[in-house]
Amino acid sequence: MKATIWHNPACGTSRKTLAILEETPGIELTVVEYLKTPPSAEKLAQLYRDAGMTPQAGLRLRGTDAVERRLPDADDATVLAAMAAEPKLIERPLVETEKGVALCRPQELVAQIL
């Protein structure tokens, strides 16, 4: 099974999710350090749609100025554009497999899509 993780190596939850993926037999893993290679607004829209969540639910609030910028109350296009321009606004880790997409907080949520 193919899996892609949008990963931040500085994040403990992201590292733990990556470890689960690496330890799972049969996973063909792609790791994207999204702070270095941010996903496009279109890719983010697809990920959140496939995860069954809104872009606002995927905003990282801690350690960002998202609340001050009123992004939690903004429309989808505004949120997605902000995330694509400033990937620190993306909550992590996002994992995509052929079974779906999950925001893996906590990391055990990755099991739902494996």
C-alpha atoms as a PDB file:
ATOM      1  CA  MET A   1       0.000   0.000   0.000  1.00  0.00           C
ATOM      2  CA  LYS A   2       1.242   3.483  -0.858  1.00  0.00           C
ATOM      3  CA  ALA A   3       1.209   6.123   1.874  1.00  0.00           C
ATOM      4  CA  THR A   4       2.242   9.764   1.883  1.00  0.00           C
ATOM      5  CA  ILE A   5       2.875  11.698   5.079  1.00  0.00           C
ATOM      6  CA  TRP A   6       3.081  15.485   5.195  1.00  0.00           C
ATOM      7  CA  HIS A   7       5.678  15.561   7.935  1.00  0.00           C
ATOM      8  CA  ASN A   8       7.400  18.024  10.232  1.00  0.00           C
ATOM      9  CA  PRO A   9      10.469  16.382  11.799  1.00  0.00           C
ATOM     10  CA  ALA A  10      10.341  18.877  14.701  1.00  0.00           C
ATOM     11  CA  CYS A  11       6.889  17.590  15.758  1.00  0.00           C
ATOM     12  CA  GLY A  12       6.714  14.631  18.133  1.00  0.00           C
ATOM     13  CA  THR A  13       3.296  13.492  16.899  1.00  0.00           C
ATOM     14  CA  SER A  14       4.523  13.642  13.310  1.00  0.00           C
ATOM     15  CA  ARG A  15       7.647  11.613  14.210  1.00  0.00           C
ATOM     16  CA  LYS A  16       5.529   9.003  16.021  1.00  0.00           C
ATOM     17  CA  THR A  17       3.147   8.722  13.060  1.00  0.00           C
ATOM     18  CA  LEU A  18       6.087   8.343  10.700  1.00  0.00           C
ATOM     19  CA  ALA A  19       7.490   5.573  12.914  1.00  0.00           C
ATOM     20  CA  ILE A  20       4.153   3.709  12.771  1.00  0.00           C
ATOM     21  CA  LEU A  21       4.173   3.941   8.976  1.00  0.00           C
ATOM     22  CA  GLU A  22       7.802   2.811   8.742  1.00  0.00           C
ATOM     23  CA  GLU A  23       7.114  -0.174  11.015  1.00  0.00           C
ATOM     24  CA  THR A  24       4.010  -1.293   9.110  1.00  0.00           C
ATOM     25  CA  PRO A  25       4.814  -4.105   6.663  1.00  0.00           C
ATOM     26  CA  GLY A  26       3.897  -3.523   3.030  1.00  0.00           C
ATOM     27  CA  ILE A  27       3.871   0.298   3.162  1.00  0.00           C
ATOM     28  CA  GLU A  28       5.489   2.105   0.240  1.00  0.00           C
ATOM     29  CA  LEU A  29       6.118   5.409   2.002  1.00  0.00           C
ATOM     30  CA  THR A  30       6.618   8.908   0.636  1.00  0.00           C
ATOM     31  CA  VAL A  31       7.667  11.537   3.173  1.00  0.00           C
ATOM     32  CA  VAL A  32       7.020  15.175   2.301  1.00  0.00           C
ATOM     33  CA  GLU A  33       8.543  17.749   4.637  1.00  0.00           C
ATOM     34  CA  TYR A  34       5.752  20.214   3.995  1.00  0.00           C
ATOM     35  CA  LEU A  35       7.596  23.196   5.471  1.00  0.00           C
ATOM     36  CA  LYS A  36      10.222  22.756   2.734  1.00  0.00           C
ATOM     37  CA  THR A  37       7.827  21.555  -0.001  1.00  0.00           C
ATOM     38  CA  PRO A  38       4.387  22.986   0.738  1.00  0.00           C
ATOM     39  CA  PRO A  39       1.340  21.433  -0.890  1.00  0.00           C
ATOM     40  CA  SER A  40      -0.679  23.623  -3.223  1.00  0.00           C
ATOM     41  CA  ALA A  41      -4.040  25.037  -2.184  1.00  0.00           C
ATOM     42  CA  GLU A  42      -5.622  22.547  -4.595  1.00  0.00           C
ATOM     43  CA  LYS A  43      -3.821  19.583  -3.010  1.00  0.00           C
ATOM     44  CA  LEU A  44      -4.789  20.764   0.460  1.00  0.00           C
ATOM     45  CA  ALA A  45      -8.427  21.113  -0.629  1.00  0.00           C
ATOM     46  CA  GLN A  46      -8.365  17.527  -1.918  1.00  0.00           C
ATOM     47  CA  LEU A  47      -6.733  16.215   1.278  1.00  0.00           C
ATOM     48  CA  TYR A  48      -9.261  17.896   3.565  1.00  0.00           C
ATOM     49  CA  ARG A  49     -12.173  16.846   1.358  1.00  0.00           C
ATOM     50  CA  ASP A  50     -10.949  13.235   1.405  1.00  0.00           C
ATOM     51  CA  ALA A  51     -10.466  13.434   5.179  1.00  0.00           C
ATOM     52  CA  GLY A  52     -14.036  14.686   5.582  1.00  0.00           C
ATOM     53  CA  MET A  53     -12.936  17.877   7.267  1.00  0.00           C
ATOM     54  CA  THR A  54     -12.903  21.588   6.539  1.00  0.00           C
ATOM     55  CA  PRO A  55      -9.705  23.501   5.851  1.00  0.00           C
ATOM     56  CA  GLN A  56     -10.425  25.477   9.018  1.00  0.00           C
ATOM     57  CA  ALA A  57     -10.272  22.221  11.019  1.00  0.00           C
ATOM     58  CA  GLY A  58      -6.822  21.647   9.527  1.00  0.00           C
ATOM     59  CA  LEU A  59      -5.420  24.986  10.690  1.00  0.00           C
ATOM     60  CA  ARG A  60      -2.571  24.924  13.150  1.00  0.00           C
ATOM     61  CA  LEU A  61      -3.472  27.447  15.830  1.00  0.00           C
ATOM     62  CA  ARG A  62      -0.685  26.852  18.336  1.00  0.00           C
ATOM     63  CA  GLY A  63       2.451  28.811  17.510  1.00  0.00           C
ATOM     64  CA  THR A  64       0.851  30.691  14.605  1.00  0.00           C
ATOM     65  CA  ASP A  65      -1.028  33.930  14.042  1.00  0.00           C
ATOM     66  CA  ALA A  66      -4.066  32.129  12.563  1.00  0.00           C
ATOM     67  CA  VAL A  67      -6.481  33.410  15.224  1.00  0.00           C
ATOM     68  CA  GLU A  68      -5.221  36.989  14.999  1.00  0.00           C
ATOM     69  CA  ARG A  69      -5.726  36.814  11.235  1.00  0.00           C
ATOM     70  CA  ARG A  70      -9.241  35.426  11.818  1.00  0.00           C
ATOM     71  CA  LEU A  71      -8.477  32.404   9.658  1.00  0.00           C
ATOM     72  CA  PRO A  72     -10.681  30.013  11.681  1.00  0.00           C
ATOM     73  CA  ASP A  73     -13.662  32.115  10.548  1.00  0.00           C
ATOM     74  CA  ALA A  74     -12.457  32.754   6.990  1.00  0.00           C
ATOM     75  CA  ASP A  75     -13.809  31.060   3.862  1.00  0.00           C
ATOM     76  CA  ASP A  76     -12.152  27.914   2.515  1.00  0.00           C
ATOM     77  CA  ALA A  77     -10.301  29.653  -0.317  1.00  0.00           C
ATOM     78  CA  THR A  78      -8.735  32.188   2.062  1.00  0.00           C
ATOM     79  CA  VAL A  79      -7.636  29.481   4.499  1.00  0.00           C
ATOM     80  CA  LEU A  80      -6.193  27.269   1.757  1.00  0.00           C
ATOM     81  CA  ALA A  81      -4.311  30.183   0.171  1.00  0.00           C
ATOM     82  CA  ALA A  82      -2.848  31.135   3.558  1.00  0.00           C
ATOM     83  CA  MET A  83      -1.751  27.540   4.224  1.00  0.00           C
ATOM     84  CA  ALA A  84      -0.139  27.208   0.796  1.00  0.00           C
ATOM     85  CA  ALA A  85       1.708  30.504   1.277  1.00  0.00           C
ATOM     86  CA  GLU A  86       2.668  29.813   4.914  1.00  0.00           C
ATOM     87  CA  PRO A  87       2.828  26.054   5.503  1.00  0.00           C
ATOM     88  CA  LYS A  88       3.401  26.535   9.239  1.00  0.00           C
ATOM     89  CA  LEU A  89      -0.385  27.085   9.315  1.00  0.00           C
ATOM     90  CA  ILE A  90      -0.991  23.426   8.339  1.00  0.00           C
ATOM     91  CA  GLU A  91      -1.730  21.128  11.284  1.00  0.00           C
ATOM     92  CA  ARG A  92       0.284  17.947  11.075  1.00  0.00           C
ATOM     93  CA  PRO A  93       0.720  15.191  10.253  1.00  0.00           C
ATOM     94  CA  LEU A  94      -1.590  14.542   7.336  1.00  0.00           C
ATOM     95  CA  VAL A  95      -1.407  11.016   5.923  1.00  0.00           C
ATOM     96  CA  GLU A  96      -2.913   9.858   2.635  1.00  0.00           C
ATOM     97  CA  THR A  97      -3.348   6.233   1.576  1.00  0.00           C
ATOM     98  CA  GLU A  98      -5.603   4.510  -0.927  1.00  0.00           C
ATOM     99  CA  LYS A  99      -8.049   4.020   1.974  1.00  0.00           C
ATOM    100  CA  GLY A 100      -8.334   7.734   2.735  1.00  0.00           C
ATOM    101  CA  VAL A 101      -6.762  10.725   4.422  1.00  0.00           C
ATOM    102  CA  ALA A 102      -6.400  11.438   8.126  1.00  0.00           C
ATOM    103  CA  LEU A 103      -5.050  14.222  10.281  1.00  0.00           C
ATOM    104  CA  CYS A 104      -3.186  11.939  12.662  1.00  0.00           C
ATOM    105  CA  ARG A 105      -3.569  13.727  15.977  1.00  0.00           C
ATOM    106  CA  PRO A 106      -3.170  11.534  17.944  1.00  0.00           C
ATOM    107  CA  GLN A 107      -0.859   9.351  15.901  1.00  0.00           C
ATOM    108  CA  GLU A 108      -2.999   6.240  16.465  1.00  0.00           C
ATOM    109  CA  LEU A 109      -5.544   7.649  13.999  1.00  0.00           C
ATOM    110  CA  VAL A 110      -3.272   6.505  11.173  1.00  0.00           C
ATOM    111  CA  ALA A 111      -4.518   2.941  11.790  1.00  0.00           C
ATOM    112  CA  GLN A 112      -7.917   3.956  10.346  1.00  0.00           C
ATOM    113  CA  ILE A 113      -6.412   4.361   6.868  1.00  0.00           C
ATOM    114  CA  LEU A 114      -3.956   1.457   6.834  1.00  0.00           C
END
